[in-house]
Amino acid sequence: MEFPGFFVEAPTISLRDPLAQFLGVSKSGMITYTYADAVKLAGHSCPTVAGAYLTVRRGLQHLYGNEIPERGAIEAYLHGPRDQGTTGVIASVVTLLTGAAPETGFGGIGARGRFVRRDLLHFDETFDGIMALRRIDNGHGLILDLDTSVVPFGGEMQALLPRAIAGQADEEEQARFATLWQARVEEMLIRHADNPALIRARDWTEAA
């Protein structure tokens, strides 16, 4: 698959996964995820996928600071119901990066249930934000919110979008639509990845 060139410039996310180390996937347990990994999972690149990717990244930075985040040691909470809007897309990116999974997740190894990922992802939560992340080891939690209006589509897209959605765009218009669509994603990932206005984070005192 030939991805847009800016994919390789997007921030990466590195974590240590004890399960990967235990099963010999990585001697150190270190795994680095790229935006392309999230796109392969979702099957498309859009502001929602980019936003979820950057939101988890910001959450891990806040929760772990200079430490290496531990995949599988994070509980995740999503504001929306699992079948509402883009919640499912966001959830898939969250699971990819944190290991937190709903009832369908990995149930663990042995009687002690080591490396459990099941029931670490929750939906339909009541906090004011798009998601919350909580470290299982110390209970430190964080509420995160995403405001994609910080990186809006340009005026040209306003005319193209309804035509593309309705299947009325000609070949040239469709190509231009795709270019403008990814240009917004690029703007988010490259120039606004660390913009506190795009992703707001605050401590979640009720997490523990």
N, C-alpha and C. Protein backbone atom coordinates (compact mmCIF):
# COMPACT_ATOMS: atom_id res chain seq x y z
N MET A 1 0.84 -1.18 0.00
CA MET A 1 0.00 0.00 0.00
C MET A 1 0.88 1.25 0.00
N GLU A 2 0.58 2.17 -0.88
CA GLU A 2 1.36 3.41 -0.97
C GLU A 2 0.67 4.50 -0.17
N PHE A 3 1.25 4.82 0.98
CA PHE A 3 0.66 5.83 1.85
C PHE A 3 1.15 7.23 1.46
N PRO A 4 0.40 8.26 1.87
CA PRO A 4 0.89 9.63 1.68
C PRO A 4 2.24 9.81 2.36
N GLY A 5 3.09 10.64 1.77
CA GLY A 5 4.45 10.81 2.27
C GLY A 5 4.54 11.29 3.70
N PHE A 6 3.55 12.07 4.16
CA PHE A 6 3.65 12.63 5.50
C PHE A 6 3.50 11.59 6.61
N PHE A 7 3.01 10.39 6.26
CA PHE A 7 2.84 9.35 7.28
C PHE A 7 4.15 9.08 8.02
N VAL A 8 5.27 9.08 7.30
CA VAL A 8 6.56 8.77 7.92
C VAL A 8 7.04 9.90 8.81
N GLU A 9 6.46 11.08 8.68
CA GLU A 9 6.85 12.22 9.52
C GLU A 9 6.01 12.31 10.78
N ALA A 10 4.93 11.57 10.85
CA ALA A 10 4.04 11.63 12.01
C ALA A 10 4.74 11.06 13.25
N PRO A 11 4.39 11.54 14.43
CA PRO A 11 5.01 11.03 15.66
C PRO A 11 4.78 9.52 15.82
N THR A 12 5.75 8.86 16.40
CA THR A 12 5.60 7.44 16.72
C THR A 12 5.32 7.29 18.21
N ILE A 13 4.83 6.13 18.61
CA ILE A 13 4.50 5.85 20.00
C ILE A 13 5.18 4.55 20.41
N SER A 14 6.08 4.63 21.38
CA SER A 14 6.82 3.45 21.83
C SER A 14 6.35 3.05 23.23
N LEU A 15 6.11 1.77 23.41
CA LEU A 15 5.68 1.22 24.68
C LEU A 15 6.42 -0.08 24.95
N ARG A 16 6.40 -0.50 26.20
CA ARG A 16 6.90 -1.83 26.55
C ARG A 16 5.71 -2.73 26.81
N ASP A 17 5.70 -3.88 26.16
CA ASP A 17 4.60 -4.83 26.31
C ASP A 17 5.14 -6.11 26.95
N PRO A 18 4.87 -6.34 28.24
CA PRO A 18 5.37 -7.53 28.93
C PRO A 18 4.91 -8.84 28.29
N LEU A 19 3.71 -8.84 27.71
CA LEU A 19 3.23 -10.05 27.05
C LEU A 19 4.07 -10.35 25.81
N ALA A 20 4.39 -9.33 25.05
CA ALA A 20 5.25 -9.53 23.87
C ALA A 20 6.61 -10.06 24.28
N GLN A 21 7.13 -9.57 25.40
CA GLN A 21 8.42 -10.04 25.90
C GLN A 21 8.31 -11.49 26.38
N PHE A 22 7.26 -11.80 27.10
CA PHE A 22 7.03 -13.15 27.65
C PHE A 22 6.94 -14.19 26.54
N LEU A 23 6.31 -13.84 25.43
CA LEU A 23 6.09 -14.78 24.34
C LEU A 23 7.17 -14.71 23.25
N GLY A 24 8.20 -13.93 23.51
CA GLY A 24 9.33 -13.90 22.58
C GLY A 24 9.16 -13.06 21.35
N VAL A 25 8.16 -12.18 21.34
CA VAL A 25 7.97 -11.30 20.19
C VAL A 25 9.08 -10.26 20.14
N SER A 26 9.46 -9.80 21.32
CA SER A 26 10.52 -8.78 21.44
C SER A 26 11.29 -9.07 22.71
N LYS A 27 12.61 -9.17 22.62
CA LYS A 27 13.41 -9.49 23.79
C LYS A 27 13.25 -8.46 24.89
N SER A 28 13.13 -7.22 24.51
CA SER A 28 12.98 -6.15 25.49
C SER A 28 11.52 -5.82 25.79
N GLY A 29 10.64 -6.34 24.95
CA GLY A 29 9.22 -6.01 25.09
C GLY A 29 8.85 -4.70 24.42
N MET A 30 9.82 -4.01 23.83
CA MET A 30 9.55 -2.70 23.23
C MET A 30 8.85 -2.86 21.87
N ILE A 31 7.80 -2.07 21.70
CA ILE A 31 7.07 -2.03 20.43
C ILE A 31 6.85 -0.57 20.08
N THR A 32 7.13 -0.20 18.84
CA THR A 32 6.90 1.16 18.37
C THR A 32 5.79 1.14 17.34
N TYR A 33 4.78 1.95 17.59
CA TYR A 33 3.64 2.07 16.67
C TYR A 33 3.77 3.35 15.86
N THR A 34 3.31 3.28 14.62
CA THR A 34 3.30 4.44 13.75
C THR A 34 1.85 4.77 13.38
N TYR A 35 1.67 5.95 12.82
CA TYR A 35 0.31 6.30 12.37
C TYR A 35 -0.16 5.33 11.30
N ALA A 36 0.76 4.84 10.48
CA ALA A 36 0.38 3.87 9.44
C ALA A 36 -0.22 2.61 10.05
N ASP A 37 0.24 2.22 11.25
CA ASP A 37 -0.33 1.05 11.92
C ASP A 37 -1.80 1.29 12.25
N ALA A 38 -2.12 2.49 12.71
CA ALA A 38 -3.51 2.83 13.03
C ALA A 38 -4.36 2.85 11.77
N VAL A 39 -3.78 3.35 10.67
CA VAL A 39 -4.50 3.40 9.40
C VAL A 39 -4.77 1.99 8.88
N LYS A 40 -3.79 1.11 9.00
CA LYS A 40 -3.99 -0.28 8.55
C LYS A 40 -5.12 -0.93 9.35
N LEU A 41 -5.18 -0.64 10.62
CA LEU A 41 -6.23 -1.21 11.46
C LEU A 41 -7.60 -0.66 11.08
N ALA A 42 -7.69 0.66 10.96
CA ALA A 42 -8.97 1.29 10.65
C ALA A 42 -9.38 1.12 9.19
N GLY A 43 -8.38 0.98 8.31
CA GLY A 43 -8.66 0.87 6.90
C GLY A 43 -8.78 2.21 6.19
N HIS A 44 -8.56 3.29 6.94
CA HIS A 44 -8.63 4.62 6.33
C HIS A 44 -7.90 5.62 7.21
N SER A 45 -7.62 6.77 6.64
CA SER A 45 -6.97 7.87 7.35
C SER A 45 -7.91 9.06 7.36
N CYS A 46 -8.23 9.54 8.55
CA CYS A 46 -9.18 10.64 8.68
C CYS A 46 -8.89 11.41 9.97
N PRO A 47 -9.52 12.55 10.19
CA PRO A 47 -9.31 13.29 11.43
C PRO A 47 -9.64 12.49 12.69
N THR A 48 -10.60 11.57 12.60
CA THR A 48 -10.93 10.75 13.77
C THR A 48 -9.80 9.80 14.11
N VAL A 49 -9.26 9.10 13.13
CA VAL A 49 -8.16 8.17 13.37
C VAL A 49 -6.93 8.93 13.84
N ALA A 50 -6.60 10.03 13.17
CA ALA A 50 -5.45 10.84 13.58
C ALA A 50 -5.67 11.41 14.97
N GLY A 51 -6.89 11.88 15.23
CA GLY A 51 -7.19 12.45 16.53
C GLY A 51 -7.09 11.44 17.65
N ALA A 52 -7.60 10.24 17.43
CA ALA A 52 -7.51 9.19 18.45
C ALA A 52 -6.05 8.82 18.71
N TYR A 53 -5.28 8.71 17.65
CA TYR A 53 -3.86 8.38 17.76
C TYR A 53 -3.12 9.44 18.58
N LEU A 54 -3.35 10.70 18.27
CA LEU A 54 -2.67 11.77 18.98
C LEU A 54 -3.18 11.92 20.41
N THR A 55 -4.46 11.63 20.63
CA THR A 55 -5.02 11.75 21.98
C THR A 55 -4.42 10.70 22.90
N VAL A 56 -4.30 9.46 22.43
CA VAL A 56 -3.65 8.43 23.24
C VAL A 56 -2.19 8.80 23.50
N ARG A 57 -1.53 9.29 22.46
CA ARG A 57 -0.12 9.73 22.63
C ARG A 57 0.00 10.77 23.72
N ARG A 58 -0.87 11.78 23.68
CA ARG A 58 -0.83 12.83 24.69
C ARG A 58 -1.11 12.24 26.08
N GLY A 59 -2.08 11.34 26.17
CA GLY A 59 -2.39 10.73 27.44
C GLY A 59 -1.23 9.95 28.03
N LEU A 60 -0.53 9.20 27.20
CA LEU A 60 0.62 8.42 27.67
C LEU A 60 1.74 9.35 28.13
N GLN A 61 1.93 10.45 27.42
CA GLN A 61 2.96 11.41 27.81
C GLN A 61 2.67 11.97 29.21
N HIS A 62 1.43 12.29 29.47
CA HIS A 62 1.04 12.86 30.76
C HIS A 62 1.11 11.82 31.87
N LEU A 63 0.67 10.61 31.59
CA LEU A 63 0.61 9.59 32.63
C LEU A 63 1.98 9.03 33.00
N TYR A 64 2.88 8.98 32.04
CA TYR A 64 4.16 8.32 32.28
C TYR A 64 5.36 9.27 32.31
N GLY A 65 5.22 10.47 31.81
CA GLY A 65 6.34 11.40 31.84
C GLY A 65 7.56 10.83 31.13
N ASN A 66 8.67 10.74 31.83
CA ASN A 66 9.90 10.21 31.25
C ASN A 66 9.98 8.69 31.27
N GLU A 67 8.98 8.04 31.89
CA GLU A 67 8.95 6.57 31.91
C GLU A 67 8.47 6.05 30.56
N ILE A 68 8.78 4.79 30.30
CA ILE A 68 8.25 4.14 29.10
C ILE A 68 6.87 3.59 29.44
N PRO A 69 5.84 3.95 28.70
CA PRO A 69 4.49 3.43 28.98
C PRO A 69 4.45 1.92 28.87
N GLU A 70 3.59 1.32 29.66
CA GLU A 70 3.45 -0.14 29.63
C GLU A 70 2.12 -0.52 28.99
N ARG A 71 2.19 -1.18 27.86
CA ARG A 71 0.99 -1.64 27.17
C ARG A 71 0.38 -2.79 27.97
N GLY A 72 -0.92 -2.73 28.18
CA GLY A 72 -1.61 -3.74 28.97
C GLY A 72 -1.78 -3.35 30.42
N ALA A 73 -1.19 -2.22 30.81
CA ALA A 73 -1.28 -1.75 32.20
C ALA A 73 -2.07 -0.46 32.27
N ILE A 74 -2.92 -0.25 31.28
CA ILE A 74 -3.69 0.99 31.17
C ILE A 74 -5.16 0.63 30.98
N GLU A 75 -6.01 1.27 31.76
CA GLU A 75 -7.45 1.11 31.59
C GLU A 75 -7.96 2.31 30.81
N ALA A 76 -8.83 2.06 29.85
CA ALA A 76 -9.32 3.12 28.98
C ALA A 76 -10.84 3.24 29.07
N TYR A 77 -11.30 4.47 29.00
CA TYR A 77 -12.73 4.77 29.10
C TYR A 77 -13.11 5.70 27.97
N LEU A 78 -14.19 5.38 27.27
CA LEU A 78 -14.67 6.22 26.17
C LEU A 78 -16.01 6.84 26.56
N HIS A 79 -16.17 8.10 26.21
CA HIS A 79 -17.38 8.82 26.58
C HIS A 79 -18.61 8.25 25.87
N GLY A 80 -18.49 7.90 24.61
CA GLY A 80 -19.65 7.48 23.83
C GLY A 80 -19.97 6.00 23.96
N PRO A 81 -21.24 5.62 23.69
CA PRO A 81 -21.60 4.22 23.59
C PRO A 81 -20.84 3.56 22.44
N ARG A 82 -20.63 2.27 22.53
CA ARG A 82 -19.79 1.59 21.54
C ARG A 82 -20.35 1.65 20.12
N ASP A 83 -21.67 1.83 19.98
CA ASP A 83 -22.27 1.84 18.64
C ASP A 83 -22.66 3.23 18.18
N GLN A 84 -22.11 4.25 18.82
CA GLN A 84 -22.46 5.63 18.47
C GLN A 84 -21.36 6.29 17.64
N GLY A 85 -21.75 6.83 16.49
CA GLY A 85 -20.83 7.63 15.69
C GLY A 85 -19.49 6.95 15.42
N THR A 86 -18.42 7.65 15.76
CA THR A 86 -17.07 7.15 15.52
C THR A 86 -16.44 6.48 16.73
N THR A 87 -17.26 6.19 17.75
CA THR A 87 -16.71 5.60 18.98
C THR A 87 -15.97 4.30 18.70
N GLY A 88 -16.51 3.47 17.83
CA GLY A 88 -15.88 2.19 17.53
C GLY A 88 -14.52 2.36 16.86
N VAL A 89 -14.39 3.35 15.99
CA VAL A 89 -13.11 3.63 15.35
C VAL A 89 -12.09 4.08 16.38
N ILE A 90 -12.51 4.99 17.25
CA ILE A 90 -11.62 5.46 18.31
C ILE A 90 -11.21 4.31 19.21
N ALA A 91 -12.16 3.45 19.55
CA ALA A 91 -11.88 2.32 20.43
C ALA A 91 -10.83 1.39 19.83
N SER A 92 -10.89 1.17 18.53
CA SER A 92 -9.93 0.26 17.90
C SER A 92 -8.51 0.82 17.98
N VAL A 93 -8.37 2.14 17.83
CA VAL A 93 -7.06 2.77 17.94
C VAL A 93 -6.56 2.72 19.38
N VAL A 94 -7.46 2.95 20.32
CA VAL A 94 -7.10 2.87 21.74
C VAL A 94 -6.60 1.48 22.09
N THR A 95 -7.29 0.46 21.62
CA THR A 95 -6.88 -0.92 21.89
C THR A 95 -5.53 -1.23 21.27
N LEU A 96 -5.32 -0.79 20.04
CA LEU A 96 -4.04 -1.00 19.37
C LEU A 96 -2.89 -0.47 20.21
N LEU A 97 -3.05 0.75 20.71
CA LEU A 97 -1.93 1.43 21.36
C LEU A 97 -1.76 1.09 22.83
N THR A 98 -2.86 0.84 23.52
CA THR A 98 -2.77 0.61 24.98
C THR A 98 -2.92 -0.85 25.36
N GLY A 99 -3.50 -1.66 24.47
CA GLY A 99 -3.80 -3.05 24.81
C GLY A 99 -5.13 -3.21 25.50
N ALA A 100 -5.71 -2.13 26.00
CA ALA A 100 -7.00 -2.21 26.70
C ALA A 100 -8.09 -2.68 25.74
N ALA A 101 -8.80 -3.74 26.14
CA ALA A 101 -9.81 -4.32 25.26
C ALA A 101 -11.12 -4.52 26.03
N PRO A 102 -12.24 -4.61 25.32
CA PRO A 102 -13.51 -4.90 25.98
C PRO A 102 -13.61 -6.38 26.35
N GLU A 103 -14.80 -6.89 26.46
CA GLU A 103 -15.00 -8.28 26.90
C GLU A 103 -14.44 -9.30 25.93
N THR A 104 -14.11 -8.88 24.72
CA THR A 104 -13.56 -9.79 23.71
C THR A 104 -12.04 -9.91 23.78
N GLY A 105 -11.41 -9.18 24.69
CA GLY A 105 -9.96 -9.14 24.75
C GLY A 105 -9.32 -10.38 25.34
N PHE A 106 -7.99 -10.40 25.32
CA PHE A 106 -7.20 -11.52 25.83
C PHE A 106 -7.46 -11.72 27.32
N GLY A 107 -7.75 -12.96 27.70
CA GLY A 107 -8.14 -13.26 29.08
C GLY A 107 -7.01 -13.56 30.03
N GLY A 108 -5.79 -13.58 29.54
CA GLY A 108 -4.65 -13.80 30.43
C GLY A 108 -4.07 -15.20 30.34
N ILE A 109 -2.95 -15.39 31.03
CA ILE A 109 -2.23 -16.66 31.02
C ILE A 109 -2.14 -17.20 32.43
N GLY A 110 -2.47 -18.48 32.59
CA GLY A 110 -2.32 -19.15 33.88
C GLY A 110 -3.42 -18.82 34.87
N ALA A 111 -3.35 -19.49 36.01
CA ALA A 111 -4.37 -19.33 37.04
C ALA A 111 -4.42 -17.91 37.59
N ARG A 112 -3.28 -17.24 37.58
CA ARG A 112 -3.21 -15.87 38.10
C ARG A 112 -3.72 -14.84 37.10
N GLY A 113 -3.96 -15.31 35.89
CA GLY A 113 -4.45 -14.39 34.86
C GLY A 113 -3.47 -13.29 34.52
N ARG A 114 -2.23 -13.67 34.27
CA ARG A 114 -1.22 -12.66 33.90
C ARG A 114 -1.50 -12.10 32.51
N PHE A 115 -1.16 -10.86 32.32
CA PHE A 115 -1.27 -10.17 31.03
C PHE A 115 -2.71 -10.01 30.55
N VAL A 116 -3.66 -9.93 31.45
CA VAL A 116 -5.07 -9.77 31.06
C VAL A 116 -5.28 -8.43 30.36
N ARG A 117 -5.99 -8.47 29.26
CA ARG A 117 -6.37 -7.26 28.52
C ARG A 117 -7.90 -7.10 28.48
N ARG A 118 -8.59 -8.17 28.82
CA ARG A 118 -10.06 -8.18 28.77
C ARG A 118 -10.65 -7.23 29.82
N ASP A 119 -11.71 -6.54 29.42
CA ASP A 119 -12.47 -5.64 30.32
C ASP A 119 -11.64 -4.47 30.83
N LEU A 120 -10.65 -4.06 30.04
CA LEU A 120 -9.91 -2.85 30.38
C LEU A 120 -10.37 -1.65 29.56
N LEU A 121 -11.31 -1.89 28.65
CA LEU A 121 -11.86 -0.81 27.81
C LEU A 121 -13.34 -0.68 28.10
N HIS A 122 -13.76 0.52 28.48
CA HIS A 122 -15.14 0.75 28.90
C HIS A 122 -15.78 1.83 28.04
N PHE A 123 -17.08 1.72 27.86
CA PHE A 123 -17.83 2.65 27.02
C PHE A 123 -18.90 3.38 27.84
N ASP A 124 -19.47 4.42 27.22
CA ASP A 124 -20.63 5.12 27.78
C ASP A 124 -20.34 5.71 29.15
N GLU A 125 -19.19 6.36 29.27
CA GLU A 125 -18.81 6.98 30.54
C GLU A 125 -19.36 8.41 30.60
N THR A 126 -19.39 8.99 31.80
CA THR A 126 -20.10 10.25 32.00
C THR A 126 -19.19 11.49 32.10
N PHE A 127 -17.88 11.33 32.05
CA PHE A 127 -17.00 12.49 32.17
C PHE A 127 -17.12 13.38 30.94
N ASP A 128 -16.64 14.60 31.06
CA ASP A 128 -16.68 15.58 29.98
C ASP A 128 -15.39 15.50 29.18
N GLY A 129 -15.38 14.68 28.15
CA GLY A 129 -14.20 14.49 27.32
C GLY A 129 -14.44 13.36 26.36
N ILE A 130 -13.48 13.13 25.46
CA ILE A 130 -13.64 12.05 24.48
C ILE A 130 -13.21 10.70 25.04
N MET A 131 -12.19 10.73 25.93
CA MET A 131 -11.71 9.48 26.54
C MET A 131 -10.98 9.79 27.82
N ALA A 132 -10.76 8.75 28.61
CA ALA A 132 -9.93 8.86 29.81
C ALA A 132 -9.03 7.63 29.87
N LEU A 133 -7.84 7.83 30.38
CA LEU A 133 -6.88 6.74 30.54
C LEU A 133 -6.46 6.70 32.01
N ARG A 134 -6.27 5.49 32.51
CA ARG A 134 -5.87 5.34 33.91
C ARG A 134 -4.79 4.28 34.04
N ARG A 135 -3.72 4.62 34.74
CA ARG A 135 -2.68 3.64 35.03
C ARG A 135 -3.19 2.67 36.10
N ILE A 136 -3.07 1.40 35.83
CA ILE A 136 -3.54 0.40 36.79
C ILE A 136 -2.62 0.33 38.00
N ASP A 137 -1.33 0.58 37.82
CA ASP A 137 -0.39 0.41 38.93
C ASP A 137 -0.52 1.47 40.02
N ASN A 138 -0.82 2.71 39.65
CA ASN A 138 -0.89 3.76 40.67
C ASN A 138 -2.21 4.53 40.68
N GLY A 139 -3.14 4.17 39.78
CA GLY A 139 -4.45 4.80 39.77
C GLY A 139 -4.50 6.18 39.17
N HIS A 140 -3.37 6.69 38.68
CA HIS A 140 -3.35 8.03 38.09
C HIS A 140 -4.19 8.03 36.83
N GLY A 141 -5.16 8.93 36.78
CA GLY A 141 -6.05 8.99 35.63
C GLY A 141 -6.04 10.35 34.97
N LEU A 142 -6.46 10.37 33.72
CA LEU A 142 -6.42 11.59 32.92
C LEU A 142 -7.63 11.60 31.99
N ILE A 143 -8.32 12.74 31.93
CA ILE A 143 -9.41 12.92 30.97
C ILE A 143 -8.87 13.72 29.79
N LEU A 144 -9.19 13.26 28.59
CA LEU A 144 -8.68 13.89 27.37
C LEU A 144 -9.84 14.28 26.46
N ASP A 145 -9.70 15.44 25.85
CA ASP A 145 -10.72 15.88 24.91
C ASP A 145 -10.05 16.35 23.62
N LEU A 146 -10.73 16.10 22.52
CA LEU A 146 -10.19 16.41 21.19
C LEU A 146 -11.08 17.45 20.53
N ASP A 147 -10.48 18.52 20.03
CA ASP A 147 -11.22 19.58 19.35
C ASP A 147 -10.67 19.73 17.93
N THR A 148 -11.24 18.98 16.99
CA THR A 148 -10.73 19.00 15.62
C THR A 148 -11.05 20.31 14.91
N SER A 149 -11.90 21.15 15.50
CA SER A 149 -12.18 22.45 14.87
C SER A 149 -10.95 23.35 14.89
N VAL A 150 -9.95 23.00 15.69
CA VAL A 150 -8.69 23.74 15.71
C VAL A 150 -7.99 23.65 14.36
N VAL A 151 -8.24 22.54 13.65
CA VAL A 151 -7.67 22.34 12.31
C VAL A 151 -8.83 22.12 11.33
N PRO A 152 -9.49 23.17 10.89
CA PRO A 152 -10.67 23.02 10.03
C PRO A 152 -10.30 22.76 8.58
N PHE A 153 -11.27 22.26 7.83
CA PHE A 153 -11.12 22.18 6.39
C PHE A 153 -11.14 23.60 5.81
N GLY A 154 -10.46 23.78 4.69
CA GLY A 154 -10.47 25.06 4.00
C GLY A 154 -11.76 25.27 3.23
N GLY A 155 -11.95 26.47 2.72
CA GLY A 155 -13.18 26.81 2.03
C GLY A 155 -13.44 25.94 0.80
N GLU A 156 -12.39 25.53 0.11
CA GLU A 156 -12.57 24.72 -1.09
C GLU A 156 -13.25 23.40 -0.77
N MET A 157 -12.94 22.85 0.41
CA MET A 157 -13.53 21.56 0.80
C MET A 157 -15.03 21.68 1.04
N GLN A 158 -15.49 22.84 1.46
CA GLN A 158 -16.91 23.01 1.75
C GLN A 158 -17.77 22.74 0.51
N ALA A 159 -17.24 23.07 -0.66
CA ALA A 159 -17.98 22.82 -1.90
C ALA A 159 -17.81 21.39 -2.38
N LEU A 160 -16.63 20.83 -2.16
CA LEU A 160 -16.35 19.49 -2.66
C LEU A 160 -16.97 18.38 -1.80
N LEU A 161 -17.02 18.60 -0.50
CA LEU A 161 -17.45 17.55 0.41
C LEU A 161 -18.83 16.99 0.09
N PRO A 162 -19.87 17.80 -0.05
CA PRO A 162 -21.19 17.23 -0.34
C PRO A 162 -21.25 16.51 -1.68
N ARG A 163 -20.49 16.99 -2.66
CA ARG A 163 -20.49 16.33 -3.96
C ARG A 163 -19.80 14.96 -3.87
N ALA A 164 -18.71 14.90 -3.13
CA ALA A 164 -17.99 13.63 -2.97
C ALA A 164 -18.85 12.63 -2.21
N ILE A 165 -19.48 13.06 -1.14
CA ILE A 165 -20.31 12.17 -0.33
C ILE A 165 -21.49 11.64 -1.14
N ALA A 166 -22.06 12.49 -1.96
CA ALA A 166 -23.22 12.09 -2.76
C ALA A 166 -22.84 11.30 -4.01
N GLY A 167 -21.53 11.12 -4.25
CA GLY A 167 -21.08 10.39 -5.43
C GLY A 167 -21.24 11.18 -6.71
N GLN A 168 -21.31 12.50 -6.59
CA GLN A 168 -21.52 13.36 -7.76
C GLN A 168 -20.23 13.99 -8.28
N ALA A 169 -19.14 13.82 -7.55
CA ALA A 169 -17.87 14.43 -7.95
C ALA A 169 -17.30 13.71 -9.17
N ASP A 170 -16.76 14.47 -10.12
CA ASP A 170 -16.10 13.84 -11.25
C ASP A 170 -14.69 13.40 -10.82
N GLU A 171 -13.95 12.82 -11.73
CA GLU A 171 -12.65 12.25 -11.38
C GLU A 171 -11.69 13.30 -10.82
N GLU A 172 -11.68 14.46 -11.44
CA GLU A 172 -10.79 15.53 -10.99
C GLU A 172 -11.21 16.05 -9.61
N GLU A 173 -12.49 16.22 -9.42
CA GLU A 173 -13.00 16.69 -8.13
C GLU A 173 -12.72 15.67 -7.03
N GLN A 174 -12.90 14.38 -7.35
CA GLN A 174 -12.65 13.35 -6.36
C GLN A 174 -11.18 13.33 -5.94
N ALA A 175 -10.30 13.48 -6.91
CA ALA A 175 -8.86 13.50 -6.60
C ALA A 175 -8.53 14.70 -5.73
N ARG A 176 -9.13 15.84 -6.03
CA ARG A 176 -8.88 17.04 -5.24
C ARG A 176 -9.44 16.88 -3.83
N PHE A 177 -10.61 16.27 -3.72
CA PHE A 177 -11.22 15.99 -2.42
C PHE A 177 -10.28 15.14 -1.56
N ALA A 178 -9.75 14.07 -2.14
CA ALA A 178 -8.85 13.18 -1.40
C ALA A 178 -7.60 13.92 -0.94
N THR A 179 -7.06 14.78 -1.80
CA THR A 179 -5.87 15.55 -1.45
C THR A 179 -6.15 16.48 -0.27
N LEU A 180 -7.28 17.18 -0.32
CA LEU A 180 -7.64 18.11 0.74
C LEU A 180 -7.95 17.37 2.04
N TRP A 181 -8.56 16.20 1.91
CA TRP A 181 -8.89 15.39 3.09
C TRP A 181 -7.62 15.02 3.85
N GLN A 182 -6.63 14.52 3.12
CA GLN A 182 -5.38 14.12 3.77
C GLN A 182 -4.55 15.33 4.21
N ALA A 183 -4.75 16.46 3.56
CA ALA A 183 -4.03 17.66 3.97
C ALA A 183 -4.43 18.07 5.38
N ARG A 184 -5.71 17.89 5.71
CA ARG A 184 -6.15 18.21 7.07
C ARG A 184 -5.54 17.23 8.08
N VAL A 185 -5.51 15.96 7.72
CA VAL A 185 -4.89 14.96 8.59
C VAL A 185 -3.41 15.29 8.81
N GLU A 186 -2.74 15.66 7.72
CA GLU A 186 -1.33 16.04 7.81
C GLU A 186 -1.14 17.22 8.75
N GLU A 187 -2.01 18.20 8.63
CA GLU A 187 -1.92 19.39 9.49
C GLU A 187 -2.03 18.99 10.97
N MET A 188 -2.93 18.07 11.27
CA MET A 188 -3.09 17.61 12.65
C MET A 188 -1.85 16.88 13.13
N LEU A 189 -1.36 15.95 12.33
CA LEU A 189 -0.28 15.06 12.76
C LEU A 189 1.09 15.73 12.78
N ILE A 190 1.33 16.64 11.87
CA ILE A 190 2.67 17.22 11.73
C ILE A 190 2.79 18.56 12.44
N ARG A 191 1.81 19.42 12.26
CA ARG A 191 1.95 20.78 12.79
C ARG A 191 1.17 21.03 14.08
N HIS A 192 0.27 20.12 14.43
CA HIS A 192 -0.53 20.34 15.65
C HIS A 192 -0.47 19.17 16.63
N ALA A 193 0.45 18.27 16.44
CA ALA A 193 0.53 17.08 17.30
C ALA A 193 0.66 17.44 18.77
N ASP A 194 1.34 18.53 19.07
CA ASP A 194 1.57 18.93 20.46
C ASP A 194 0.81 20.20 20.83
N ASN A 195 -0.19 20.53 20.05
CA ASN A 195 -1.00 21.72 20.31
C ASN A 195 -1.99 21.44 21.44
N PRO A 196 -1.86 22.11 22.59
CA PRO A 196 -2.77 21.86 23.70
C PRO A 196 -4.21 22.26 23.41
N ALA A 197 -4.42 23.08 22.38
CA ALA A 197 -5.78 23.45 22.00
C ALA A 197 -6.47 22.32 21.23
N LEU A 198 -5.68 21.52 20.53
CA LEU A 198 -6.25 20.38 19.80
C LEU A 198 -6.62 19.26 20.75
N ILE A 199 -5.74 18.98 21.70
CA ILE A 199 -6.00 17.92 22.68
C ILE A 199 -5.81 18.50 24.07
N ARG A 200 -6.90 18.53 24.82
CA ARG A 200 -6.86 19.05 26.18
C ARG A 200 -6.79 17.89 27.16
N ALA A 201 -5.96 18.03 28.18
CA ALA A 201 -5.78 16.97 29.16
C ALA A 201 -5.90 17.55 30.57
N ARG A 202 -6.58 16.81 31.43
CA ARG A 202 -6.66 17.22 32.84
C ARG A 202 -6.73 15.97 33.72
N ASP A 203 -6.25 16.09 34.93
CA ASP A 203 -6.25 14.96 35.85
C ASP A 203 -7.67 14.49 36.14
N TRP A 204 -7.80 13.19 36.29
CA TRP A 204 -9.09 12.58 36.60
C TRP A 204 -9.02 12.10 38.04
N THR A 205 -9.51 12.94 38.93
CA THR A 205 -9.36 12.64 40.37
C THR A 205 -10.23 11.48 40.81
N GLU A 206 -11.28 11.16 40.05
CA GLU A 206 -12.17 10.06 40.42
C GLU A 206 -11.65 8.71 39.91
N ALA A 207 -10.55 8.73 39.16
CA ALA A 207 -10.08 7.50 38.53
C ALA A 207 -9.73 6.43 39.55
N ALA A 208 -9.06 6.82 40.63
CA ALA A 208 -8.65 5.83 41.62
C ALA A 208 -9.81 5.35 42.46
